[in-house]
Amino acid sequence: MTSGREWATNVGDVWAEEWRRTDRTFAELTVALDAAIDRVAPAGPGTALDIGCGAGITTFGLARRHPDLDVLGIDIAAQSIAVAEQRAAGIPNVRFEAGDIERFTAPSPFDLLISRHGVMFFDDPVAAFVRLHRAAKPGAPIVFSCMREMARNAWTYDLIAAITGSPPVPAAGYAPSPFAFADEGFTTDLLATTGWRDIRPQPVDYAYLAGEGDDPVGDAVRTFTLIGPAASFIARAAPERRPQLVERLREVVERHRDGNRVAFPASGWIWTAFA
């Protein structure tokens, strides 16, 4: 599974290049996240921070919907920040910064903090959420999405089971990974311990759109060999084994084809809390 520092290396290169695939796979979740953000976003002028903004879709989406907010997107991957800056050209109330949020010092407290799947990779989540709390004005909301348990996310669970030959076993305790905050009780305790209040988890089931078009299976196989946990497993395998693993992946993808689309069941959390 990916750790925070890996986003600044070749992993970040791939995600920056493949931002269209990432935005597509999370498109339904993004709609739900945007709605949750809009429910608590401040009215009138203010500032907002997008944590682990990647290629920027949540950053400039918020900036467009709330033109009175000045929105800063920060990500450890400079490659993704470069893409985000290009995509947000012409939006006056948005800017981006390459940096590690675990070492970030806010120039002044923010009125709103948001993140789409950007908070699960902290080396020290307690210290990180304390830092984020300090970066928020009193009463300011934080809204972020993350994965629910792996068994509810067939795009990871089914693929890894097929590739490895056995169902994946979740890590014991906290480890930086896409599923680091899957446990509702753990995440609730983390937020409460680090000073956040009125903590509200919202489960969201959605379709993880992995492939589409004339060859949706090939498109989905390409997605899963480029990004996500299955790609990491295949990349770590001996070169002579990789074609066999890709073929196993393809067999699972075929089962999730529906016409010109390949979509997998997925489930996430949207968390809202207040400083």
Foldseek 3Di string as FASTA:
>chain_A
DDAQVCCQDVLVVLCLVPVVLVCQQCVVVVVVLVVVCVVQPDPAAWEEEEAQQFLNPVQVVVCVVHVNYQYEYEHQHVSSQVNNCVVNPPRPRYHYDHDDLLPDQAPAAGQEYEYELRQQRDPDNLSSLLRNQVNHDAFRKYKYKAFADPVQWCLPQVLVCLLVVHGDDDDDAAHRDRCRCNDPVVVVCSCVVSPWDPKDKDKDKDWRWQAFDPCRLVSNLVSQCRDDDNVVVLVPDDPVCNVVSSVSNSVVQVVQDDVGTRITIGMMMMMMTTD
